Amino acid sequence: MDNATNLQQNGQPNSQPAIIRTGRGLTIAGTRTTLYRIMDYVKAGWPPKLIRDRLNLTDQQVADALAYIDQHQEEVEAEYQQVLAESEEMKREWEEKRREIEAAIADKPIKPEEAEIRAKLAAAKAKLGME
C-alpha cells in the first residue's frame, strides 16, 4: 500500500492502510464500503461531503478513497467496470427467475376462495373508480 493511502489527517504516516482488499474488493478499512460504491457517487457527480454523509464515512475516509481512486485510476476503473458487468448479469438472471416464477404462478388454477376474494376486490375498485 503506498503512502497516499496511509496518511492520517495531519499528514503523518499511519501504520494502518486506508484502503484494503477484501473478498468484496477494494474497501475502505474498517468499513464495508467498497471503492466501487464510492465510484457510483463520483460518476453521478456527488461532492465528497455528500458522499461522506450518504455512506456515513469520515472526511478522511472519503479523502483517502478519492486519493486512492485518483492514484490507481486504471486499476480501479477496470475493476469498477467488471463489478458493473457482474451486477448487470446478476440482475438479468434474477429478472429471468422472477419471470419464470410469475409465469408458473399464472399457470396455476385459481382456488374458489381466491376467485371470490378477487371478485370482491374488483368490485371495490370499480366502486372507487380505480379501474
Protein backbone atom coordinates (compact mmCIF):
# COMPACT_ATOMS: atom_id res chain seq x y z
CA MET A 1 0.00 0.00 0.00
CA ASP A 2 1.50 3.36 -0.93
CA ASN A 3 1.94 6.37 1.36
CA ALA A 4 -1.01 8.32 -0.07
CA THR A 5 -3.41 5.76 1.33
CA ASN A 6 -1.61 5.51 4.67
CA LEU A 7 -1.78 9.11 5.89
CA GLN A 8 -3.52 10.41 8.96
CA GLN A 9 -5.30 13.74 8.86
CA ASN A 10 -2.13 15.56 9.97
CA GLY A 11 -0.20 14.13 7.04
CA GLN A 12 1.94 11.82 9.17
CA PRO A 13 2.33 8.19 8.11
CA ASN A 14 -0.19 5.80 9.60
CA SER A 15 0.61 2.13 10.14
CA GLN A 16 -2.91 1.12 9.13
CA PRO A 17 -3.79 1.17 5.41
CA ALA A 18 -6.80 3.28 4.49
CA ILE A 19 -7.81 1.06 1.56
CA ILE A 20 -7.67 -2.72 1.83
CA ARG A 21 -8.57 -5.59 -0.46
CA THR A 22 -11.26 -7.87 0.93
CA GLY A 23 -13.48 -10.54 -0.58
CA ARG A 24 -15.71 -7.67 -1.67
CA GLY A 25 -12.85 -5.93 -3.49
CA LEU A 26 -11.14 -2.64 -2.68
CA THR A 27 -12.68 -1.47 0.58
CA ILE A 28 -12.28 1.45 2.97
CA ALA A 29 -10.55 -0.05 6.02
CA GLY A 30 -12.85 -0.55 8.99
CA THR A 31 -15.99 -0.37 6.86
CA ARG A 32 -17.96 -2.46 4.41
CA THR A 33 -17.88 0.38 1.88
CA THR A 34 -16.14 -0.51 -1.36
CA LEU A 35 -14.42 1.91 -3.67
CA TYR A 36 -16.90 0.79 -6.32
CA ARG A 37 -19.72 2.27 -4.21
CA ILE A 38 -17.73 5.50 -3.94
CA MET A 39 -17.28 5.38 -7.73
CA ASP A 40 -21.06 5.23 -8.19
CA TYR A 41 -21.39 8.57 -6.42
CA VAL A 42 -18.32 10.12 -8.04
CA LYS A 43 -19.63 9.25 -11.51
CA ALA A 44 -23.01 10.73 -10.55
CA GLY A 45 -21.25 13.99 -9.71
CA TRP A 46 -21.73 13.94 -5.94
CA PRO A 47 -19.36 16.16 -3.92
CA PRO A 48 -17.22 14.49 -1.21
CA LYS A 49 -19.28 15.89 1.68
CA LEU A 50 -22.49 14.35 0.33
CA ILE A 51 -20.71 11.04 -0.28
CA ARG A 52 -19.44 11.20 3.31
CA ASP A 53 -22.92 11.85 4.68
CA ARG A 54 -24.65 9.28 2.48
CA LEU A 55 -22.22 6.48 3.36
CA ASN A 56 -21.62 7.52 6.98
CA LEU A 57 -17.89 7.98 6.48
CA THR A 58 -15.39 10.48 7.86
CA ASP A 59 -13.88 13.26 5.79
CA GLN A 60 -10.56 11.42 5.99
CA GLN A 61 -12.04 8.13 4.76
CA VAL A 62 -13.59 9.87 1.76
CA ALA A 63 -10.37 11.79 1.06
CA ASP A 64 -8.32 8.58 1.27
CA ALA A 65 -10.73 6.76 -1.04
CA LEU A 66 -10.71 9.57 -3.60
CA ALA A 67 -6.91 9.80 -3.43
CA TYR A 68 -6.61 6.04 -3.98
CA ILE A 69 -9.01 6.19 -6.91
CA ASP A 70 -7.06 9.08 -8.40
CA GLN A 71 -3.67 7.40 -7.95
CA HIS A 72 -4.83 3.98 -9.22
CA GLN A 73 -7.30 5.20 -11.82
CA GLU A 74 -6.82 2.48 -14.45
CA GLU A 75 -6.90 -0.39 -11.96
CA VAL A 76 -9.92 0.93 -10.06
CA GLU A 77 -11.82 1.81 -13.26
CA ALA A 78 -11.19 -1.67 -14.71
CA GLU A 79 -12.41 -3.35 -11.51
CA TYR A 80 -15.39 -0.97 -11.34
CA GLN A 81 -16.41 -1.86 -14.91
CA GLN A 82 -16.12 -5.55 -14.04
CA VAL A 83 -18.30 -5.06 -10.94
CA LEU A 84 -20.90 -3.22 -13.04
CA ALA A 85 -20.91 -6.01 -15.64
CA GLU A 86 -21.29 -8.71 -12.97
CA SER A 87 -24.06 -6.72 -11.31
CA GLU A 88 -25.90 -6.35 -14.62
CA GLU A 89 -25.58 -10.08 -15.28
CA MET A 90 -26.98 -10.92 -11.82
CA LYS A 91 -29.84 -8.50 -12.43
CA ARG A 92 -30.66 -10.23 -15.73
CA GLU A 93 -30.56 -13.66 -14.05
CA TRP A 94 -32.88 -12.55 -11.23
CA GLU A 95 -35.28 -10.91 -13.68
CA GLU A 96 -35.43 -14.16 -15.65
CA LYS A 97 -36.11 -16.14 -12.46
CA ARG A 98 -38.82 -13.64 -11.49
CA ARG A 99 -40.49 -14.02 -14.90
CA GLU A 100 -40.37 -17.82 -14.59
CA ILE A 101 -41.96 -17.71 -11.13
CA GLU A 102 -44.65 -15.29 -12.28
CA ALA A 103 -45.40 -17.50 -15.28
CA ALA A 104 -45.64 -20.58 -13.05
CA ILE A 105 -47.99 -18.75 -10.70
CA ALA A 106 -50.13 -17.50 -13.60
CA ASP A 107 -50.45 -21.07 -14.92
CA LYS A 108 -51.89 -22.35 -11.64
CA PRO A 109 -55.68 -22.53 -11.46
CA ILE A 110 -57.34 -20.05 -9.11
CA LYS A 111 -58.86 -21.60 -6.00
CA PRO A 112 -62.57 -20.87 -5.49
CA GLU A 113 -61.94 -18.82 -2.33
CA GLU A 114 -59.31 -16.75 -4.20
CA ALA A 115 -61.75 -16.16 -7.06
CA GLU A 116 -64.32 -14.87 -4.56
CA ILE A 117 -61.78 -12.53 -2.95
CA ARG A 118 -60.62 -11.28 -6.35
CA ALA A 119 -64.21 -10.59 -7.38
CA LYS A 120 -64.83 -8.58 -4.19
CA LEU A 121 -61.59 -6.64 -4.76
CA ALA A 122 -62.52 -5.88 -8.38
CA ALA A 123 -65.99 -4.70 -7.28
CA ALA A 124 -64.48 -2.44 -4.60
CA LYS A 125 -62.02 -0.97 -7.11
CA ALA A 126 -64.79 -0.37 -9.61
CA LYS A 127 -66.89 1.36 -6.96
CA LEU A 128 -63.94 3.65 -6.16
CA GLY A 129 -63.28 4.26 -9.84
CA MET A 130 -59.86 2.67 -9.72
CA GLU A 131 -60.34 0.52 -12.83
